[in-house]
PDB file of N, CA and C in Angstrom:
ATOM      1  N   MET A   1       0.837  -1.166   0.000  1.00  0.00           N
ATOM      2  CA  MET A   1       0.000   0.000   0.000  1.00  0.00           C
ATOM      3  C   MET A   1       0.884   1.231   0.000  1.00  0.00           C
ATOM      4  N   TYR A   2       0.709   2.049  -0.989  1.00  0.00           N
ATOM      5  CA  TYR A   2       1.488   3.270  -1.052  1.00  0.00           C
ATOM      6  C   TYR A   2       0.788   4.278  -1.941  1.00  0.00           C
ATOM      7  N   LYS A   3       1.132   5.522  -1.735  1.00  0.00           N
ATOM      8  CA  LYS A   3       0.612   6.616  -2.543  1.00  0.00           C
ATOM      9  C   LYS A   3       1.751   7.100  -3.432  1.00  0.00           C
ATOM     10  N   ILE A   4       1.501   7.231  -4.726  1.00  0.00           N
ATOM     11  CA  ILE A   4       2.532   7.673  -5.651  1.00  0.00           C
ATOM     12  C   ILE A   4       2.768   9.164  -5.440  1.00  0.00           C
ATOM     13  N   VAL A   5       3.948   9.500  -4.887  1.00  0.00           N
ATOM     14  CA  VAL A   5       4.257  10.897  -4.580  1.00  0.00           C
ATOM     15  C   VAL A   5       5.585  11.349  -5.183  1.00  0.00           C
ATOM     16  N   GLY A   6       6.221  10.525  -5.982  1.00  0.00           N
ATOM     17  CA  GLY A   6       7.496  10.917  -6.577  1.00  0.00           C
ATOM     18  C   GLY A   6       7.940   9.925  -7.625  1.00  0.00           C
ATOM     19  N   PRO A   7       9.084  10.176  -8.251  1.00  0.00           N
ATOM     20  CA  PRO A   7       9.545   9.312  -9.334  1.00  0.00           C
ATOM     21  C   PRO A   7       9.868   7.889  -8.887  1.00  0.00           C
ATOM     22  N   GLY A   8      10.362   7.731  -7.664  1.00  0.00           N
ATOM     23  CA  GLY A   8      10.670   6.387  -7.176  1.00  0.00           C
ATOM     24  C   GLY A   8       9.428   5.528  -7.030  1.00  0.00           C
ATOM     25  N   LEU A   9       8.396   6.073  -6.428  1.00  0.00           N
ATOM     26  CA  LEU A   9       7.155   5.315  -6.268  1.00  0.00           C
ATOM     27  C   LEU A   9       6.422   5.160  -7.595  1.00  0.00           C
ATOM     28  N   GLU A  10       6.602   6.102  -8.501  1.00  0.00           N
ATOM     29  CA  GLU A  10       6.029   5.957  -9.842  1.00  0.00           C
ATOM     30  C   GLU A  10       6.650   4.739 -10.522  1.00  0.00           C
ATOM     31  N   ALA A  11       7.970   4.604 -10.426  1.00  0.00           N
ATOM     32  CA  ALA A  11       8.650   3.441 -11.003  1.00  0.00           C
ATOM     33  C   ALA A  11       8.189   2.161 -10.319  1.00  0.00           C
ATOM     34  N   LEU A  12       8.032   2.193  -9.005  1.00  0.00           N
ATOM     35  CA  LEU A  12       7.565   1.026  -8.261  1.00  0.00           C
ATOM     36  C   LEU A  12       6.174   0.606  -8.722  1.00  0.00           C
ATOM     37  N   SER A  13       5.325   1.573  -9.009  1.00  0.00           N
ATOM     38  CA  SER A  13       3.955   1.255  -9.418  1.00  0.00           C
ATOM     39  C   SER A  13       3.899   0.581 -10.785  1.00  0.00           C
ATOM     40  N   GLN A  14       4.968   0.696 -11.570  1.00  0.00           N
ATOM     41  CA  GLN A  14       5.002   0.096 -12.903  1.00  0.00           C
ATOM     42  C   GLN A  14       5.511  -1.344 -12.896  1.00  0.00           C
ATOM     43  N   LEU A  15       5.989  -1.833 -11.764  1.00  0.00           N
ATOM     44  CA  LEU A  15       6.524  -3.193 -11.689  1.00  0.00           C
ATOM     45  C   LEU A  15       5.419  -4.225 -11.851  1.00  0.00           C
ATOM     46  N   GLN A  16       5.811  -5.349 -12.422  1.00  0.00           N
ATOM     47  CA  GLN A  16       4.893  -6.468 -12.623  1.00  0.00           C
ATOM     48  C   GLN A  16       5.353  -7.640 -11.757  1.00  0.00           C
ATOM     49  N   PRO A  17       4.451  -8.573 -11.430  1.00  0.00           N
ATOM     50  CA  PRO A  17       4.865  -9.763 -10.676  1.00  0.00           C
ATOM     51  C   PRO A  17       6.011 -10.468 -11.398  1.00  0.00           C
ATOM     52  N   GLY A  18       7.039 -10.817 -10.642  1.00  0.00           N
ATOM     53  CA  GLY A  18       8.208 -11.473 -11.207  1.00  0.00           C
ATOM     54  C   GLY A  18       9.360 -10.527 -11.510  1.00  0.00           C
ATOM     55  N   ASP A  19       9.095  -9.215 -11.557  1.00  0.00           N
ATOM     56  CA  ASP A  19      10.162  -8.237 -11.770  1.00  0.00           C
ATOM     57  C   ASP A  19      11.110  -8.263 -10.569  1.00  0.00           C
ATOM     58  N   GLU A  20      12.395  -8.030 -10.827  1.00  0.00           N
ATOM     59  CA  GLU A  20      13.378  -7.997  -9.753  1.00  0.00           C
ATOM     60  C   GLU A  20      13.667  -6.558  -9.348  1.00  0.00           C
ATOM     61  N   VAL A  21      13.881  -6.359  -8.061  1.00  0.00           N
ATOM     62  CA  VAL A  21      14.235  -5.037  -7.543  1.00  0.00           C
ATOM     63  C   VAL A  21      15.410  -5.185  -6.580  1.00  0.00           C
ATOM     64  N   ASP A  22      16.203  -4.143  -6.453  1.00  0.00           N
ATOM     65  CA  ASP A  22      17.276  -4.092  -5.464  1.00  0.00           C
ATOM     66  C   ASP A  22      16.776  -3.271  -4.283  1.00  0.00           C
ATOM     67  N   LEU A  23      17.029  -3.777  -3.077  1.00  0.00           N
ATOM     68  CA  LEU A  23      16.586  -3.087  -1.865  1.00  0.00           C
ATOM     69  C   LEU A  23      17.775  -2.802  -0.964  1.00  0.00           C
ATOM     70  N   MET A  24      17.667  -1.758  -0.179  1.00  0.00           N
ATOM     71  CA  MET A  24      18.686  -1.412   0.795  1.00  0.00           C
ATOM     72  C   MET A  24      17.990  -1.161   2.131  1.00  0.00           C
ATOM     73  N   GLY A  25      18.540  -1.681   3.179  1.00  0.00           N
ATOM     74  CA  GLY A  25      17.943  -1.414   4.465  1.00  0.00           C
ATOM     75  C   GLY A  25      18.636  -2.211   5.544  1.00  0.00           C
ATOM     76  N   PRO A  26      18.325  -2.057   6.772  1.00  0.00           N
ATOM     77  CA  PRO A  26      17.374  -1.063   7.257  1.00  0.00           C
ATOM     78  C   PRO A  26      17.992   0.337   7.240  1.00  0.00           C
ATOM     79  N   ILE A  27      17.155   1.329   7.100  1.00  0.00           N
ATOM     80  CA  ILE A  27      17.592   2.716   7.152  1.00  0.00           C
ATOM     81  C   ILE A  27      16.711   3.456   8.149  1.00  0.00           C
ATOM     82  N   GLY A  28      17.122   4.610   8.545  1.00  0.00           N
ATOM     83  CA  GLY A  28      16.330   5.377   9.512  1.00  0.00           C
ATOM     84  C   GLY A  28      16.803   5.123  10.930  1.00  0.00           C
ATOM     85  N   ASN A  29      16.025   5.561  11.871  1.00  0.00           N
ATOM     86  CA  ASN A  29      16.347   5.425  13.289  1.00  0.00           C
ATOM     87  C   ASN A  29      15.480   4.338  13.892  1.00  0.00           C
ATOM     88  N   GLY A  30      16.048   3.171  14.044  1.00  0.00           N
ATOM     89  CA  GLY A  30      15.301   2.049  14.596  1.00  0.00           C
ATOM     90  C   GLY A  30      15.209   2.120  16.111  1.00  0.00           C
ATOM     91  N   PHE A  31      14.456   1.200  16.673  1.00  0.00           N
ATOM     92  CA  PHE A  31      14.333   1.112  18.122  1.00  0.00           C
ATOM     93  C   PHE A  31      14.033  -0.326  18.480  1.00  0.00           C
ATOM     94  N   ARG A  32      14.412  -0.711  19.661  1.00  0.00           N
ATOM     95  CA  ARG A  32      14.173  -2.080  20.133  1.00  0.00           C
ATOM     96  C   ARG A  32      12.845  -2.139  20.884  1.00  0.00           C
ATOM     97  N   CYS A  33      12.182  -3.256  20.725  1.00  0.00           N
ATOM     98  CA  CYS A  33      10.946  -3.514  21.470  1.00  0.00           C
ATOM     99  C   CYS A  33      11.287  -4.540  22.541  1.00  0.00           C
ATOM    100  N   GLY A  34      11.687  -4.065  23.686  1.00  0.00           N
ATOM    101  CA  GLY A  34      12.064  -4.964  24.757  1.00  0.00           C
ATOM    102  C   GLY A  34      10.849  -5.647  25.373  1.00  0.00           C
ATOM    103  N   LYS A  35      11.102  -6.801  25.961  1.00  0.00           N
ATOM    104  CA  LYS A  35      10.019  -7.517  26.631  1.00  0.00           C
ATOM    105  C   LYS A  35       9.961  -7.014  28.076  1.00  0.00           C
ATOM    106  N   THR A  36       9.004  -6.165  28.342  1.00  0.00           N
ATOM    107  CA  THR A  36       8.831  -5.604  29.680  1.00  0.00           C
ATOM    108  C   THR A  36       7.403  -5.863  30.128  1.00  0.00           C
ATOM    109  N   HIS A  37       7.089  -5.383  31.291  1.00  0.00           N
ATOM    110  CA  HIS A  37       5.727  -5.529  31.794  1.00  0.00           C
ATOM    111  C   HIS A  37       4.856  -4.347  31.400  1.00  0.00           C
ATOM    112  N   GLN A  38       5.387  -3.479  30.558  1.00  0.00           N
ATOM    113  CA  GLN A  38       4.621  -2.324  30.107  1.00  0.00           C
ATOM    114  C   GLN A  38       3.772  -2.703  28.897  1.00  0.00           C
ATOM    115  N   ILE A  39       2.669  -2.014  28.712  1.00  0.00           N
ATOM    116  CA  ILE A  39       1.794  -2.241  27.561  1.00  0.00           C
ATOM    117  C   ILE A  39       2.102  -1.168  26.518  1.00  0.00           C
ATOM    118  N   PRO A  40       2.611  -1.571  25.344  1.00  0.00           N
ATOM    119  CA  PRO A  40       2.935  -0.562  24.325  1.00  0.00           C
ATOM    120  C   PRO A  40       1.684   0.001  23.664  1.00  0.00           C
ATOM    121  N   VAL A  41       1.781   1.230  23.212  1.00  0.00           N
ATOM    122  CA  VAL A  41       0.718   1.873  22.444  1.00  0.00           C
ATOM    123  C   VAL A  41       1.289   2.149  21.064  1.00  0.00           C
ATOM    124  N   LEU A  42       0.668   1.591  20.034  1.00  0.00           N
ATOM    125  CA  LEU A  42       1.132   1.773  18.663  1.00  0.00           C
ATOM    126  C   LEU A  42       0.165   2.695  17.938  1.00  0.00           C
ATOM    127  N   ILE A  43       0.699   3.741  17.334  1.00  0.00           N
ATOM    128  CA  ILE A  43      -0.138   4.723  16.655  1.00  0.00           C
ATOM    129  C   ILE A  43       0.361   4.887  15.231  1.00  0.00           C
ATOM    130  N   GLY A  44      -0.540   4.826  14.276  1.00  0.00           N
ATOM    131  CA  GLY A  44      -0.184   5.044  12.874  1.00  0.00           C
ATOM    132  C   GLY A  44      -1.405   5.503  12.115  1.00  0.00           C
ATOM    133  N   GLY A  45      -1.169   6.127  10.999  1.00  0.00           N
ATOM    134  CA  GLY A  45      -2.271   6.590  10.165  1.00  0.00           C
ATOM    135  C   GLY A  45      -1.857   6.621   8.711  1.00  0.00           C
ATOM    136  N   GLY A  46      -2.812   6.507   7.835  1.00  0.00           N
ATOM    137  CA  GLY A  46      -2.528   6.566   6.401  1.00  0.00           C
ATOM    138  C   GLY A  46      -1.583   5.463   5.982  1.00  0.00           C
ATOM    139  N   VAL A  47      -0.507   5.839   5.281  1.00  0.00           N
ATOM    140  CA  VAL A  47       0.454   4.847   4.808  1.00  0.00           C
ATOM    141  C   VAL A  47       1.301   4.289   5.950  1.00  0.00           C
ATOM    142  N   GLY A  48       1.164   4.829   7.162  1.00  0.00           N
ATOM    143  CA  GLY A  48       1.896   4.313   8.312  1.00  0.00           C
ATOM    144  C   GLY A  48       1.211   3.150   8.999  1.00  0.00           C
ATOM    145  N   ILE A  49       0.007   2.807   8.582  1.00  0.00           N
ATOM    146  CA  ILE A  49      -0.721   1.714   9.231  1.00  0.00           C
ATOM    147  C   ILE A  49      -0.092   0.347   8.959  1.00  0.00           C
ATOM    148  N   PRO A  50       0.268  -0.017   7.724  1.00  0.00           N
ATOM    149  CA  PRO A  50       0.832  -1.357   7.491  1.00  0.00           C
ATOM    150  C   PRO A  50       2.061  -1.682   8.339  1.00  0.00           C
ATOM    151  N   PRO A  51       3.048  -0.773   8.483  1.00  0.00           N
ATOM    152  CA  PRO A  51       4.175  -1.139   9.340  1.00  0.00           C
ATOM    153  C   PRO A  51       3.792  -1.266  10.813  1.00  0.00           C
ATOM    154  N   VAL A  52       2.813  -0.500  11.253  1.00  0.00           N
ATOM    155  CA  VAL A  52       2.366  -0.614  12.645  1.00  0.00           C
ATOM    156  C   VAL A  52       1.682  -1.962  12.858  1.00  0.00           C
ATOM    157  N   LEU A  53       0.902  -2.417  11.895  1.00  0.00           N
ATOM    158  CA  LEU A  53       0.264  -3.731  12.008  1.00  0.00           C
ATOM    159  C   LEU A  53       1.315  -4.834  12.062  1.00  0.00           C
ATOM    160  N   PHE A  54       2.368  -4.707  11.237  1.00  0.00           N
ATOM    161  CA  PHE A  54       3.451  -5.683  11.265  1.00  0.00           C
ATOM    162  C   PHE A  54       4.105  -5.712  12.641  1.00  0.00           C
ATOM    163  N   LEU A  55       4.388  -4.549  13.194  1.00  0.00           N
ATOM    164  CA  LEU A  55       5.010  -4.468  14.513  1.00  0.00           C
ATOM    165  C   LEU A  55       4.096  -5.059  15.580  1.00  0.00           C
ATOM    166  N   ALA A  56       2.795  -4.826  15.468  1.00  0.00           N
ATOM    167  CA  ALA A  56       1.843  -5.351  16.450  1.00  0.00           C
ATOM    168  C   ALA A  56       1.833  -6.877  16.453  1.00  0.00           C
ATOM    169  N   GLU A  57       2.020  -7.488  15.287  1.00  0.00           N
ATOM    170  CA  GLU A  57       2.030  -8.950  15.211  1.00  0.00           C
ATOM    171  C   GLU A  57       3.345  -9.528  15.702  1.00  0.00           C
ATOM    172  N   TYR A  58       4.399  -8.720  15.731  1.00  0.00           N
ATOM    173  CA  TYR A  58       5.721  -9.164  16.157  1.00  0.00           C
ATOM    174  C   TYR A  58       5.709  -9.418  17.640  1.00  0.00           C
TER     175      TYR A  58
END
């Protein structure tokens, strides 16, 4: 799920099943999800919802 907002995502939207892509990662400022007795609150909206759902299942 993504919104086409630039040339990179425009190119991504043109890919077909079976096309190969090169990826680089992880990038950005990551954080650890430690196992504590605290209850985490995950907040996301728009295009940020899919990664939050992935994190929630982790």
